[in-house]
PDB file of N, CA and C in Angstrom:
ATOM      1  N   ASP A   1      54.303-115.621  80.238  1.00  0.00           N
ATOM      2  CA  ASP A   1      55.316-116.335  81.128  1.00  0.00           C
ATOM      3  C   ASP A   1      56.149-118.089  80.854  1.00  0.00           C
ATOM      4  N   TYR A   2      56.783-118.033  79.834  1.00  0.00           N
ATOM      5  CA  TYR A   2      57.135-119.318  80.526  1.00  0.00           C
ATOM      6  C   TYR A   2      57.868-120.050  81.274  1.00  0.00           C
ATOM      7  N   THR A   3      58.586-119.800  82.345  1.00  0.00           N
ATOM      8  CA  THR A   3      59.858-119.200  83.620  1.00  0.00           C
ATOM      9  C   THR A   3      58.927-119.977  84.375  1.00  0.00           C
ATOM     10  N   GLY A   4      57.724-119.542  84.857  1.00  0.00           N
ATOM     11  CA  GLY A   4      56.664-119.012  85.534  1.00  0.00           C
ATOM     12  C   GLY A   4      56.762-118.916  86.839  1.00  0.00           C
ATOM     13  N   SER A   5      58.048-118.260  86.945  1.00  0.00           N
ATOM     14  CA  SER A   5      58.036-116.614  87.922  1.00  0.00           C
ATOM     15  C   SER A   5      57.056-115.924  88.161  1.00  0.00           C
ATOM     16  N   LEU A   6      56.376-115.396  87.394  1.00  0.00           N
ATOM     17  CA  LEU A   6      55.684-114.186  87.239  1.00  0.00           C
ATOM     18  C   LEU A   6      55.937-113.473  87.505  1.00  0.00           C
ATOM     19  N   GLY A   7      57.582-112.798  87.313  1.00  0.00           N
ATOM     20  CA  GLY A   7      58.119-111.568  87.138  1.00  0.00           C
ATOM     21  C   GLY A   7      59.234-111.352  88.461  1.00  0.00           C
ATOM     22  N   THR A   8      59.143-112.511  89.036  1.00  0.00           N
ATOM     23  CA  THR A   8      59.634-112.092  90.604  1.00  0.00           C
ATOM     24  C   THR A   8      61.427-112.583  90.369  1.00  0.00           C
ATOM     25  N   ASN A   9      61.788-111.690  91.608  1.00  0.00           N
ATOM     26  CA  ASN A   9      63.751-111.722  91.997  1.00  0.00           C
ATOM     27  C   ASN A   9      63.808-113.379  92.807  1.00  0.00           C
ATOM     28  N   SER A  10      64.761-113.514  92.263  1.00  0.00           N
ATOM     29  CA  SER A  10      65.360-114.561  93.205  1.00  0.00           C
ATOM     30  C   SER A  10      66.892-114.863  93.018  1.00  0.00           C
ATOM     31  N   TYR A  11      67.116-115.288  94.567  1.00  0.00           N
ATOM     32  CA  TYR A  11      68.490-115.776  94.365  1.00  0.00           C
ATOM     33  C   TYR A  11      69.022-117.204  94.467  1.00  0.00           C
ATOM     34  N   ASN A  12      69.678-117.302  94.967  1.00  0.00           N
ATOM     35  CA  ASN A  12      70.647-119.034  94.818  1.00  0.00           C
ATOM     36  C   ASN A  12      69.814-119.537  93.705  1.00  0.00           C
ATOM     37  N   ASN A  13      69.830-119.124  92.176  1.00  0.00           N
ATOM     38  CA  ASN A  13      68.836-119.484  90.847  1.00  0.00           C
ATOM     39  C   ASN A  13      70.028-119.960  89.708  1.00  0.00           C
ATOM     40  N   GLY A  14      71.273-120.256  90.414  1.00  0.00           N
ATOM     41  CA  GLY A  14      72.214-120.833  89.787  1.00  0.00           C
ATOM     42  C   GLY A  14      73.019-119.894  88.681  1.00  0.00           C
ATOM     43  N   SER A  15      72.314-117.940  88.882  1.00  0.00           N
ATOM     44  CA  SER A  15      73.465-117.745  88.552  1.00  0.00           C
ATOM     45  C   SER A  15      73.769-116.840  89.247  1.00  0.00           C
ATOM     46  N   ILE A  16      73.247-116.456  90.863  1.00  0.00           N
ATOM     47  CA  ILE A  16      74.020-115.654  91.871  1.00  0.00           C
ATOM     48  C   ILE A  16      73.127-116.232  93.563  1.00  0.00           C
ATOM     49  N   ASN A  17      74.345-115.951  94.244  1.00  0.00           N
ATOM     50  CA  ASN A  17      73.645-116.013  95.691  1.00  0.00           C
ATOM     51  C   ASN A  17      73.360-115.007  95.989  1.00  0.00           C
ATOM     52  N   LEU A  18      72.966-115.634  97.502  1.00  0.00           N
ATOM     53  CA  LEU A  18      72.431-114.497  98.080  1.00  0.00           C
ATOM     54  C   LEU A  18      73.516-113.550  98.623  1.00  0.00           C
ATOM     55  N   ALA A  19      74.578-113.469  98.768  1.00  0.00           N
ATOM     56  CA  ALA A  19      76.058-112.142  98.618  1.00  0.00           C
ATOM     57  C   ALA A  19      75.790-111.718  97.860  1.00  0.00           C
ATOM     58  N   GLY A  20      75.946-111.946  96.399  1.00  0.00           N
ATOM     59  CA  GLY A  20      75.924-111.753  95.398  1.00  0.00           C
ATOM     60  C   GLY A  20      74.624-110.503  94.808  1.00  0.00           C
ATOM     61  N   ALA A  21      73.756-111.066  95.295  1.00  0.00           N
ATOM     62  CA  ALA A  21      72.440-110.582  94.628  1.00  0.00           C
ATOM     63  C   ALA A  21      72.384-109.505  95.756  1.00  0.00           C
ATOM     64  N   PHE A  22      72.389-109.461  97.078  1.00  0.00           N
ATOM     65  CA  PHE A  22      73.003-108.071  98.080  1.00  0.00           C
ATOM     66  C   PHE A  22      73.526-106.800  97.262  1.00  0.00           C
ATOM     67  N   VAL A  23      74.609-107.741  96.799  1.00  0.00           N
ATOM     68  CA  VAL A  23      75.631-106.307  96.798  1.00  0.00           C
ATOM     69  C   VAL A  23      74.802-105.561  95.320  1.00  0.00           C
ATOM     70  N   LEU A  24      74.708-106.835  94.330  1.00  0.00           N
ATOM     71  CA  LEU A  24      74.490-106.000  92.974  1.00  0.00           C
ATOM     72  C   LEU A  24      73.123-105.087  93.137  1.00  0.00           C
ATOM     73  N   GLU A  25      72.056-106.116  94.113  1.00  0.00           N
ATOM     74  CA  GLU A  25      70.896-104.777  94.107  1.00  0.00           C
ATOM     75  C   GLU A  25      71.383-103.501  94.964  1.00  0.00           C
ATOM     76  N   VAL A  26      72.258-103.422  95.735  1.00  0.00           N
ATOM     77  CA  VAL A  26      72.870-102.187  96.173  1.00  0.00           C
ATOM     78  C   VAL A  26      73.280-101.170  95.542  1.00  0.00           C
ATOM     79  N   LEU A  27      74.237-102.257  94.828  1.00  0.00           N
ATOM     80  CA  LEU A  27      75.243-101.168  93.754  1.00  0.00           C
ATOM     81  C   LEU A  27      73.926-100.445  92.561  1.00  0.00           C
ATOM     82  N   LEU A  28      73.579-101.609  91.869  1.00  0.00           N
ATOM     83  CA  LEU A  28      72.390-101.303  90.966  1.00  0.00           C
ATOM     84  C   LEU A  28      71.921-100.101  91.217  1.00  0.00           C
ATOM     85  N   THR A  29      70.991-100.089  92.855  1.00  0.00           N
ATOM     86  CA  THR A  29      69.923 -99.215  92.719  1.00  0.00           C
ATOM     87  C   THR A  29      70.800 -98.171  93.102  1.00  0.00           C
ATOM     88  N   GLY A  30      72.183 -97.753  94.252  1.00  0.00           N
ATOM     89  CA  GLY A  30      72.769 -97.152  93.853  1.00  0.00           C
ATOM     90  C   GLY A  30      73.115 -95.776  92.934  1.00  0.00           C
ATOM     91  N   ALA A  31      73.522 -96.707  91.964  1.00  0.00           N
ATOM     92  CA  ALA A  31      74.180 -96.080  90.464  1.00  0.00           C
ATOM     93  C   ALA A  31      72.959 -95.432  89.962  1.00  0.00           C
ATOM     94  N   PHE A  32      71.303 -96.063  89.860  1.00  0.00           N
ATOM     95  CA  PHE A  32      70.616 -95.418  89.379  1.00  0.00           C
ATOM     96  C   PHE A  32      69.542 -94.455  90.295  1.00  0.00           C
ATOM     97  N   VAL A  33      69.629 -94.579  91.307  1.00  0.00           N
ATOM     98  CA  VAL A  33      69.675 -92.914  92.562  1.00  0.00           C
ATOM     99  C   VAL A  33      70.255 -92.094  92.490  1.00  0.00           C
ATOM    100  N   MET A  34      72.021 -92.345  92.108  1.00  0.00           N
ATOM    101  CA  MET A  34      72.698 -91.502  91.918  1.00  0.00           C
ATOM    102  C   MET A  34      72.755 -90.502  90.628  1.00  0.00           C
ATOM    103  N   VAL A  35      71.959 -91.393  89.446  1.00  0.00           N
ATOM    104  CA  VAL A  35      71.948 -90.633  88.271  1.00  0.00           C
ATOM    105  C   VAL A  35      70.545 -89.518  88.156  1.00  0.00           C
ATOM    106  N   ILE A  36      69.753 -89.955  89.244  1.00  0.00           N
ATOM    107  CA  ILE A  36      68.858 -89.143  89.071  1.00  0.00           C
ATOM    108  C   ILE A  36      68.566 -88.263  89.988  1.00  0.00           C
ATOM    109  N   LEU A  37      69.517 -88.079  90.747  1.00  0.00           N
ATOM    110  CA  LEU A  37      69.899 -87.090  91.221  1.00  0.00           C
ATOM    111  C   LEU A  37      71.172 -86.198  90.823  1.00  0.00           C
ATOM    112  N   LEU A  38      71.574 -86.810  90.031  1.00  0.00           N
ATOM    113  CA  LEU A  38      72.538 -85.711  89.619  1.00  0.00           C
ATOM    114  C   LEU A  38      71.684 -85.352  88.290  1.00  0.00           C
ATOM    115  N   VAL A  39      70.999 -85.549  87.476  1.00  0.00           N
ATOM    116  CA  VAL A  39      70.482 -85.045  86.517  1.00  0.00           C
ATOM    117  C   VAL A  39      68.871 -83.843  87.028  1.00  0.00           C
ATOM    118  N   THR A  40      68.844 -84.278  88.043  1.00  0.00           N
ATOM    119  CA  THR A  40      67.865 -83.520  88.805  1.00  0.00           C
ATOM    120  C   THR A  40      67.961 -81.714  89.271  1.00  0.00           C
ATOM    121  N   GLU A  41      69.145 -81.774  89.179  1.00  0.00           N
ATOM    122  CA  GLU A  41      69.545 -80.689  90.415  1.00  0.00           C
ATOM    123  C   GLU A  41      69.485 -79.571  89.901  1.00  0.00           C
ATOM    124  N   ARG A  42      69.511 -78.216  89.801  1.00  0.00           N
ATOM    125  CA  ARG A  42      69.525 -77.147  89.570  1.00  0.00           C
ATOM    126  C   ARG A  42      70.048 -77.225  88.509  1.00  0.00           C
ATOM    127  N   VAL A  43      71.377 -77.368  88.315  1.00  0.00           N
ATOM    128  CA  VAL A  43      72.342 -76.629  87.455  1.00  0.00           C
ATOM    129  C   VAL A  43      71.885 -77.888  85.709  1.00  0.00           C
ATOM    130  N   ALA A  44      71.351 -78.822  86.267  1.00  0.00           N
ATOM    131  CA  ALA A  44      71.129 -80.371  85.277  1.00  0.00           C
ATOM    132  C   ALA A  44      70.825 -79.426  83.881  1.00  0.00           C
ATOM    133  N   ALA A  45      70.544 -79.644  82.725  1.00  0.00           N
ATOM    134  CA  ALA A  45      70.058 -79.493  81.933  1.00  0.00           C
ATOM    135  C   ALA A  45      68.305 -80.332  81.921  1.00  0.00           C
ATOM    136  N   PRO A  46      66.826 -80.414  82.774  1.00  0.00           N
ATOM    137  CA  PRO A  46      65.977 -80.850  82.638  1.00  0.00           C
ATOM    138  C   PRO A  46      65.452 -80.989  82.089  1.00  0.00           C
ATOM    139  N   GLY A  47      65.760 -80.625  80.900  1.00  0.00           N
ATOM    140  CA  GLY A  47      65.322 -81.414  79.260  1.00  0.00           C
ATOM    141  C   GLY A  47      65.715 -82.453  78.940  1.00  0.00           C
ATOM    142  N   PHE A  48      66.569 -82.724  79.545  1.00  0.00           N
ATOM    143  CA  PHE A  48      67.936 -84.321  79.133  1.00  0.00           C
ATOM    144  C   PHE A  48      67.498 -84.818  80.253  1.00  0.00           C
ATOM    145  N   ALA A  49      66.751 -84.983  81.269  1.00  0.00           N
ATOM    146  CA  ALA A  49      66.821 -85.313  82.634  1.00  0.00           C
ATOM    147  C   ALA A  49      65.997 -86.761  82.466  1.00  0.00           C
ATOM    148  N   GLY A  50      64.639 -87.019  81.286  1.00  0.00           N
ATOM    149  CA  GLY A  50      64.416 -87.985  80.998  1.00  0.00           C
ATOM    150  C   GLY A  50      64.941 -89.358  80.797  1.00  0.00           C
ATOM    151  N   ILE A  51      65.630 -88.987  79.668  1.00  0.00           N
ATOM    152  CA  ILE A  51      66.465 -89.791  78.595  1.00  0.00           C
ATOM    153  C   ILE A  51      67.954 -90.447  79.759  1.00  0.00           C
ATOM    154  N   ALA A  52      68.460 -89.715  80.290  1.00  0.00           N
ATOM    155  CA  ALA A  52      69.398 -90.165  81.285  1.00  0.00           C
ATOM    156  C   ALA A  52      68.717 -90.956  82.174  1.00  0.00           C
ATOM    157  N   ILE A  53      67.941 -90.540  82.982  1.00  0.00           N
ATOM    158  CA  ILE A  53      66.879 -91.784  84.022  1.00  0.00           C
ATOM    159  C   ILE A  53      66.703 -92.881  82.732  1.00  0.00           C
ATOM    160  N   GLY A  54      65.719 -93.114  81.936  1.00  0.00           N
ATOM    161  CA  GLY A  54      65.217 -93.699  81.193  1.00  0.00           C
ATOM    162  C   GLY A  54      66.865 -94.864  80.765  1.00  0.00           C
ATOM    163  N   LEU A  55      67.410 -94.339  79.920  1.00  0.00           N
ATOM    164  CA  LEU A  55      68.425 -94.889  79.575  1.00  0.00           C
ATOM    165  C   LEU A  55      69.222 -95.984  81.446  1.00  0.00           C
ATOM    166  N   ALA A  56      69.380 -94.746  82.505  1.00  0.00           N
ATOM    167  CA  ALA A  56      69.877 -95.627  83.582  1.00  0.00           C
ATOM    168  C   ALA A  56      69.312 -96.674  84.006  1.00  0.00           C
ATOM    169  N   LEU A  57      68.093 -96.497  83.961  1.00  0.00           N
ATOM    170  CA  LEU A  57      67.113 -98.050  84.214  1.00  0.00           C
ATOM    171  C   LEU A  57      67.973 -98.936  83.842  1.00  0.00           C
ATOM    172  N   THR A  58      67.463 -98.837  82.360  1.00  0.00           N
ATOM    173  CA  THR A  58      67.788 -99.756  80.608  1.00  0.00           C
ATOM    174  C   THR A  58      68.936-100.761  80.923  1.00  0.00           C
ATOM    175  N   VAL A  59      69.911 -99.933  81.382  1.00  0.00           N
ATOM    176  CA  VAL A  59      71.578-100.222  81.285  1.00  0.00           C
ATOM    177  C   VAL A  59      71.342-101.556  82.920  1.00  0.00           C
ATOM    178  N   VAL A  60      70.515-100.728  84.210  1.00  0.00           N
ATOM    179  CA  VAL A  60      70.383-101.798  84.981  1.00  0.00           C
ATOM    180  C   VAL A  60      69.758-102.360  85.447  1.00  0.00           C
ATOM    181  N   HIS A  61      69.042-102.927  84.513  1.00  0.00           N
ATOM    182  CA  HIS A  61      67.982-103.880  83.732  1.00  0.00           C
ATOM    183  C   HIS A  61      68.706-105.438  83.102  1.00  0.00           C
ATOM    184  N   LEU A  62      69.438-104.453  82.017  1.00  0.00           N
ATOM    185  CA  LEU A  62      70.299-105.822  80.857  1.00  0.00           C
ATOM    186  C   LEU A  62      71.110-106.175  81.978  1.00  0.00           C
ATOM    187  N   VAL A  63      72.138-104.961  83.074  1.00  0.00           N
ATOM    188  CA  VAL A  63      72.880-106.272  83.930  1.00  0.00           C
ATOM    189  C   VAL A  63      71.969-107.114  84.622  1.00  0.00           C
ATOM    190  N   GLY A  64      71.399-106.546  85.330  1.00  0.00           N
ATOM    191  CA  GLY A  64      70.770-107.596  86.515  1.00  0.00           C
ATOM    192  C   GLY A  64      69.400-108.251  85.859  1.00  0.00           C
ATOM    193  N   ILE A  65      68.630-108.253  84.767  1.00  0.00           N
ATOM    194  CA  ILE A  65      68.184-109.216  84.594  1.00  0.00           C
ATOM    195  C   ILE A  65      68.397-110.940  84.887  1.00  0.00           C
ATOM    196  N   PRO A  66      69.217-110.620  84.180  1.00  0.00           N
ATOM    197  CA  PRO A  66      69.894-112.189  83.403  1.00  0.00           C
ATOM    198  C   PRO A  66      70.286-112.513  85.408  1.00  0.00           C
ATOM    199  N   LEU A  67      70.998-112.149  86.383  1.00  0.00           N
ATOM    200  CA  LEU A  67      71.484-112.462  87.883  1.00  0.00           C
ATOM    201  C   LEU A  67      70.180-112.813  88.254  1.00  0.00           C
ATOM    202  N   ASP A  68      69.279-111.471  88.499  1.00  0.00           N
ATOM    203  CA  ASP A  68      68.463-111.776  89.720  1.00  0.00           C
ATOM    204  C   ASP A  68      67.149-111.758  89.663  1.00  0.00           C
ATOM    205  N   GLY A  69      66.702-110.723  88.391  1.00  0.00           N
ATOM    206  CA  GLY A  69      65.493-110.631  87.709  1.00  0.00           C
ATOM    207  C   GLY A  69      65.631-109.193  88.160  1.00  0.00           C
ATOM    208  N   THR A  70      66.398-107.950  89.223  1.00  0.00           N
ATOM    209  CA  THR A  70      66.260-106.685  88.863  1.00  0.00           C
ATOM    210  C   THR A  70      65.311-106.672  89.860  1.00  0.00           C
ATOM    211  N   SER A  71      65.608-106.238  90.706  1.00  0.00           N
ATOM    212  CA  SER A  71      64.934-105.226  91.963  1.00  0.00           C
ATOM    213  C   SER A  71      64.696-103.762  91.576  1.00  0.00           C
ATOM    214  N   VAL A  72      65.389-102.823  92.317  1.00  0.00           N
ATOM    215  CA  VAL A  72      65.921-101.530  92.384  1.00  0.00           C
ATOM    216  C   VAL A  72      64.472-100.265  92.322  1.00  0.00           C
ATOM    217  N   ASN A  73      63.400-101.394  93.265  1.00  0.00           N
ATOM    218  CA  ASN A  73      62.231-100.793  93.297  1.00  0.00           C
ATOM    219  C   ASN A  73      61.455-101.924  94.221  1.00  0.00           C
ATOM    220  N   PRO A  74      61.349-101.943  95.165  1.00  0.00           N
ATOM    221  CA  PRO A  74      60.781-102.584  96.368  1.00  0.00           C
ATOM    222  C   PRO A  74      59.721-103.100  96.223  1.00  0.00           C
ATOM    223  N   ALA A  75      58.409-102.042  95.884  1.00  0.00           N
ATOM    224  CA  ALA A  75      57.229-102.167  95.266  1.00  0.00           C
ATOM    225  C   ALA A  75      56.767-103.243  94.458  1.00  0.00           C
ATOM    226  N   ARG A  76      57.721-102.736  93.031  1.00  0.00           N
ATOM    227  CA  ARG A  76      57.710-104.045  92.399  1.00  0.00           C
ATOM    228  C   ARG A  76      58.500-105.547  92.476  1.00  0.00           C
ATOM    229  N   SER A  77      59.016-105.763  93.331  1.00  0.00           N
ATOM    230  CA  SER A  77      59.638-107.444  94.014  1.00  0.00           C
ATOM    231  C   SER A  77      58.173-107.966  94.647  1.00  0.00           C
ATOM    232  N   PHE A  78      57.725-106.598  95.171  1.00  0.00           N
ATOM    233  CA  PHE A  78      56.927-107.127  96.693  1.00  0.00           C
ATOM    234  C   PHE A  78      55.384-107.922  96.025  1.00  0.00           C
ATOM    235  N   GLY A  79      54.706-106.758  94.970  1.00  0.00           N
ATOM    236  CA  GLY A  79      53.999-107.299  94.288  1.00  0.00           C
ATOM    237  C   GLY A  79      53.896-108.906  93.521  1.00  0.00           C
ATOM    238  N   PRO A  80      54.755-108.805  92.587  1.00  0.00           N
ATOM    239  CA  PRO A  80      54.901-110.589  92.022  1.00  0.00           C
ATOM    240  C   PRO A  80      55.481-111.683  92.914  1.00  0.00           C
ATOM    241  N   ALA A  81      56.078-111.133  93.863  1.00  0.00           N
ATOM    242  CA  ALA A  81      56.388-112.041  95.107  1.00  0.00           C
ATOM    243  C   ALA A  81      54.975-112.306  95.911  1.00  0.00           C
ATOM    244  N   LEU A  82      54.115-111.646  96.474  1.00  0.00           N
ATOM    245  CA  LEU A  82      52.909-111.991  96.551  1.00  0.00           C
ATOM    246  C   LEU A  82      52.088-112.663  96.294  1.00  0.00           C
ATOM    247  N   PHE A  83      51.814-112.581  95.058  1.00  0.00           N
ATOM    248  CA  PHE A  83      51.002-113.877  93.686  1.00  0.00           C
ATOM    249  C   PHE A  83      51.715-114.727  93.462  1.00  0.00           C
ATOM    250  N   ALA A  84      53.008-115.540  93.622  1.00  0.00           N
ATOM    251  CA  ALA A  84      53.753-116.282  93.433  1.00  0.00           C
ATOM    252  C   ALA A  84      53.847-116.977  94.498  1.00  0.00           C
ATOM    253  N   GLY A  85      54.058-116.483  95.685  1.00  0.00           N
ATOM    254  CA  GLY A  85      54.045-116.877  96.746  1.00  0.00           C
ATOM    255  C   GLY A  85      55.794-117.902  97.004  1.00  0.00           C
ATOM    256  N   GLY A  86      55.855-118.722  97.604  1.00  0.00           N
ATOM    257  CA  GLY A  86      57.496-119.861  97.412  1.00  0.00           C
ATOM    258  C   GLY A  86      58.136-119.090  97.816  1.00  0.00           C
ATOM    259  N   THR A  87      59.246-119.553  96.705  1.00  0.00           N
ATOM    260  CA  THR A  87      60.914-119.165  97.029  1.00  0.00           C
ATOM    261  C   THR A  87      61.062-117.713  96.737  1.00  0.00           C
ATOM    262  N   ALA A  88      59.665-117.355  96.028  1.00  0.00           N
ATOM    263  CA  ALA A  88      59.775-115.909  95.414  1.00  0.00           C
ATOM    264  C   ALA A  88      59.401-115.041  96.967  1.00  0.00           C
ATOM    265  N   LEU A  89      58.293-115.410  97.825  1.00  0.00           N
ATOM    266  CA  LEU A  89      57.901-114.427  99.100  1.00  0.00           C
ATOM    267  C   LEU A  89      59.179-114.393  99.912  1.00  0.00           C
ATOM    268  N   SER A  90      59.905-116.250 100.098  1.00  0.00           N
ATOM    269  CA  SER A  90      60.732-115.937 101.399  1.00  0.00           C
ATOM    270  C   SER A  90      62.265-115.492 100.671  1.00  0.00           C
ATOM    271  N   GLN A  91      62.426-115.236  99.807  1.00  0.00           N
ATOM    272  CA  GLN A  91      63.612-114.134  99.153  1.00  0.00           C
ATOM    273  C   GLN A  91      62.892-112.654  99.006  1.00  0.00           C
ATOM    274  N   VAL A  92      61.903-112.424  99.453  1.00  0.00           N
ATOM    275  CA  VAL A  92      61.324-111.253  98.860  1.00  0.00           C
ATOM    276  C   VAL A  92      62.190-109.761  99.948  1.00  0.00           C
ATOM    277  N   TRP A  93      62.852-110.074 100.902  1.00  0.00           N
ATOM    278  CA  TRP A  93      63.191-109.659 101.700  1.00  0.00           C
ATOM    279  C   TRP A  93      64.408-109.038 101.359  1.00  0.00           C
ATOM    280  N   LEU A  94      64.846-109.688 100.771  1.00  0.00           N
ATOM    281  CA  LEU A  94      66.400-109.200 100.010  1.00  0.00           C
ATOM    282  C   LEU A  94      66.356-108.467  99.362  1.00  0.00           C
ATOM    283  N   PHE A  95      65.003-108.467  98.138  1.00  0.00           N
ATOM    284  CA  PHE A  95      64.426-107.098  97.433  1.00  0.00           C
ATOM    285  C   PHE A  95      63.930-106.110  97.725  1.00  0.00           C
ATOM    286  N   ILE A  96      63.574-105.849  99.035  1.00  0.00           N
ATOM    287  CA  ILE A  96      63.008-105.140  99.563  1.00  0.00           C
ATOM    288  C   ILE A  96      64.427-104.304 100.119  1.00  0.00           C
ATOM    289  N   LEU A  97      65.218-104.908 101.417  1.00  0.00           N
ATOM    290  CA  LEU A  97      66.441-104.624 101.551  1.00  0.00           C
ATOM    291  C   LEU A  97      67.681-103.921 101.206  1.00  0.00           C
ATOM    292  N   ALA A  98      68.014-104.568 100.531  1.00  0.00           N
ATOM    293  CA  ALA A  98      69.384-103.828  99.502  1.00  0.00           C
ATOM    294  C   ALA A  98      68.843-102.513  98.660  1.00  0.00           C
ATOM    295  N   PRO A  99      67.762-102.847  97.897  1.00  0.00           N
ATOM    296  CA  PRO A  99      67.575-101.197  97.406  1.00  0.00           C
ATOM    297  C   PRO A  99      67.335-100.326  98.412  1.00  0.00           C
ATOM    298  N   LEU A 100      66.635-100.036  99.842  1.00  0.00           N
ATOM    299  CA  LEU A 100      66.319 -99.703 100.167  1.00  0.00           C
ATOM    300  C   LEU A 100      68.524 -98.485 100.695  1.00  0.00           C
ATOM    301  N   ILE A 101      69.120-100.015 101.039  1.00  0.00           N
ATOM    302  CA  ILE A 101      70.393 -99.576 101.275  1.00  0.00           C
ATOM    303  C   ILE A 101      71.202 -98.535 100.416  1.00  0.00           C
ATOM    304  N   GLY A 102      71.028 -99.426  98.995  1.00  0.00           N
ATOM    305  CA  GLY A 102      71.540 -98.569  97.906  1.00  0.00           C
ATOM    306  C   GLY A 102      71.008 -97.300  97.890  1.00  0.00           C
ATOM    307  N   GLY A 103      69.321 -97.064  98.281  1.00  0.00           N
ATOM    308  CA  GLY A 103      69.400 -95.522  97.576  1.00  0.00           C
ATOM    309  C   GLY A 103      69.645 -94.716  99.152  1.00  0.00           C
ATOM    310  N   VAL A 104      70.164 -95.215 100.309  1.00  0.00           N
ATOM    311  CA  VAL A 104      70.170 -94.000 101.227  1.00  0.00           C
ATOM    312  C   VAL A 104      72.070 -94.284 100.588  1.00  0.00           C
ATOM    313  N   LEU A 105      72.855 -95.034 100.376  1.00  0.00           N
ATOM    314  CA  LEU A 105      73.943 -94.948 100.014  1.00  0.00           C
ATOM    315  C   LEU A 105      74.209 -93.639  99.413  1.00  0.00           C
ATOM    316  N   ALA A 106      73.225 -93.538  98.239  1.00  0.00           N
ATOM    317  CA  ALA A 106      72.977 -92.686  97.350  1.00  0.00           C
ATOM    318  C   ALA A 106      72.931 -91.284  97.728  1.00  0.00           C
ATOM    319  N   ALA A 107      72.046 -91.111  98.833  1.00  0.00           N
ATOM    320  CA  ALA A 107      71.906 -90.284  98.920  1.00  0.00           C
ATOM    321  C   ALA A 107      73.172 -89.476  99.920  1.00  0.00           C
ATOM    322  N   VAL A 108      73.647 -90.432 101.055  1.00  0.00           N
ATOM    323  CA  VAL A 108      74.974 -89.600 101.243  1.00  0.00           C
ATOM    324  C   VAL A 108      76.159 -89.825 100.437  1.00  0.00           C
ATOM    325  N   ILE A 109      76.445 -90.162  99.394  1.00  0.00           N
ATOM    326  CA  ILE A 109      77.042 -90.181  98.592  1.00  0.00           C
ATOM    327  C   ILE A 109      77.293 -89.075  97.579  1.00  0.00           C
ATOM    328  N   TYR A 110      75.687 -88.645  97.358  1.00  0.00           N
ATOM    329  CA  TYR A 110      75.667 -87.378  96.202  1.00  0.00           C
ATOM    330  C   TYR A 110      76.270 -86.084  97.110  1.00  0.00           C
ATOM    331  N   PRO A 111      75.797 -85.905  98.058  1.00  0.00           N
ATOM    332  CA  PRO A 111      76.326 -84.160  98.539  1.00  0.00           C
ATOM    333  C   PRO A 111      77.921 -84.126  98.449  1.00  0.00           C
ATOM    334  N   LEU A 112      78.402 -85.817  98.929  1.00  0.00           N
ATOM    335  CA  LEU A 112      80.279 -85.239  98.683  1.00  0.00           C
ATOM    336  C   LEU A 112      80.833 -85.302  97.212  1.00  0.00           C
ATOM    337  N   THR A 113      79.488 -85.400  96.274  1.00  0.00           N
ATOM    338  CA  THR A 113      80.335 -84.980  94.947  1.00  0.00           C
ATOM    339  C   THR A 113      79.906 -83.972  94.127  1.00  0.00           C
ATOM    340  N   ARG A 114      79.431 -82.809  95.110  1.00  0.00           N
ATOM    341  CA  ARG A 114      79.052 -81.673  94.843  1.00  0.00           C
ATOM    342  C   ARG A 114      80.425 -80.697  95.369  1.00  0.00           C
ATOM    343  N   GLY A 115      81.240 -80.698  95.403  1.00  0.00           N
ATOM    344  CA  GLY A 115      82.710 -80.133  96.017  1.00  0.00           C
ATOM    345  C   GLY A 115      82.191 -79.570  97.370  1.00  0.00           C
ATOM    346  N   GLY A 116      83.471 -80.113  98.430  1.00  0.00           N
ATOM    347  CA  GLY A 116      83.468 -79.640  99.494  1.00  0.00           C
ATOM    348  C   GLY A 116      82.537 -80.080 100.485  1.00  0.00           C
ATOM    349  N   GLY A 117      81.941 -81.180  99.843  1.00  0.00           N
ATOM    350  CA  GLY A 117      80.628 -81.661 100.983  1.00  0.00           C
ATOM    351  C   GLY A 117      79.535 -81.519 100.846  1.00  0.00           C
ATOM    352  N   GLU A 118      79.370 -80.174 100.795  1.00  0.00           N
ATOM    353  CA  GLU A 118      78.241 -78.852 100.476  1.00  0.00           C
ATOM    354  C   GLU A 118      76.930 -79.938  99.187  1.00  0.00           C
ATOM    355  N   ALA A 119      76.308 -79.720  99.101  1.00  0.00           N
ATOM    356  CA  ALA A 119      74.731 -80.283  98.378  1.00  0.00           C
ATOM    357  C   ALA A 119      74.956 -78.360  97.938  1.00  0.00           C
ATOM    358  N   VAL A 120      74.702 -78.657  96.138  1.00  0.00           N
ATOM    359  CA  VAL A 120      74.293 -77.227  95.211  1.00  0.00           C
ATOM    360  C   VAL A 120      73.078 -76.705  96.434  1.00  0.00           C
ATOM    361  N   GLY A 121      73.216 -75.109  96.420  1.00  0.00           N
ATOM    362  CA  GLY A 121      72.107 -74.704  96.601  1.00  0.00           C
ATOM    363  C   GLY A 121      73.077 -73.909  98.698  1.00  0.00           C
ATOM    364  N   GLN A 122      73.834 -74.473  99.610  1.00  0.00           N
ATOM    365  CA  GLN A 122      74.021 -74.465 100.324  1.00  0.00           C
ATOM    366  C   GLN A 122      74.646 -74.113 100.503  1.00  0.00           C
ATOM    367  N   ALA A 123      75.293 -72.633 100.156  1.00  0.00           N
ATOM    368  CA  ALA A 123      76.420 -71.819 100.184  1.00  0.00           C
ATOM    369  C   ALA A 123      76.478 -71.474 101.837  1.00  0.00           C
ATOM    370  N   ASP A 124      77.826 -71.036 102.430  1.00  0.00           N
ATOM    371  CA  ASP A 124      77.586 -70.604 103.563  1.00  0.00           C
ATOM    372  C   ASP A 124      76.943 -68.690 103.146  1.00  0.00           C
ATOM    373  N   GLU A 125      76.048 -68.419 104.109  1.00  0.00           N
ATOM    374  CA  GLU A 125      75.706 -67.284 103.981  1.00  0.00           C
ATOM    375  C   GLU A 125      76.133 -65.979 104.777  1.00  0.00           C
ATOM    376  N   SER A 126      77.337 -67.006 105.217  1.00  0.00           N
ATOM    377  CA  SER A 126      78.243 -65.382 105.896  1.00  0.00           C
ATOM    378  C   SER A 126      78.775 -64.316 104.713  1.00  0.00           C
TER     379      SER A 126
END
């Protein structure tokens, strides 16, 4: 590791500030979780879910790594920050909170994409 950052995430690094990193992590995590929800539903082609999820994660990292190191997974951010300490540990709160908010937003938006505001499989029983 030539950067000395041990795979940690950071904001105020010359590429992005606190607000930008927060919005970026919420959007990237939300988009990633939305892809997972869409490709794993009952009507999706199950054989291609892994490909879609892997490609989505690749795109998320290609966009986010140059900006803040990309979290989209609080556990992935906490481990390196714990070992690196210092600035990484003081900034890890953002890389825990923002992905959680992004995941919740995707879970709230997902049923709205399924037509009529109902999730697939929740048809009226009358």
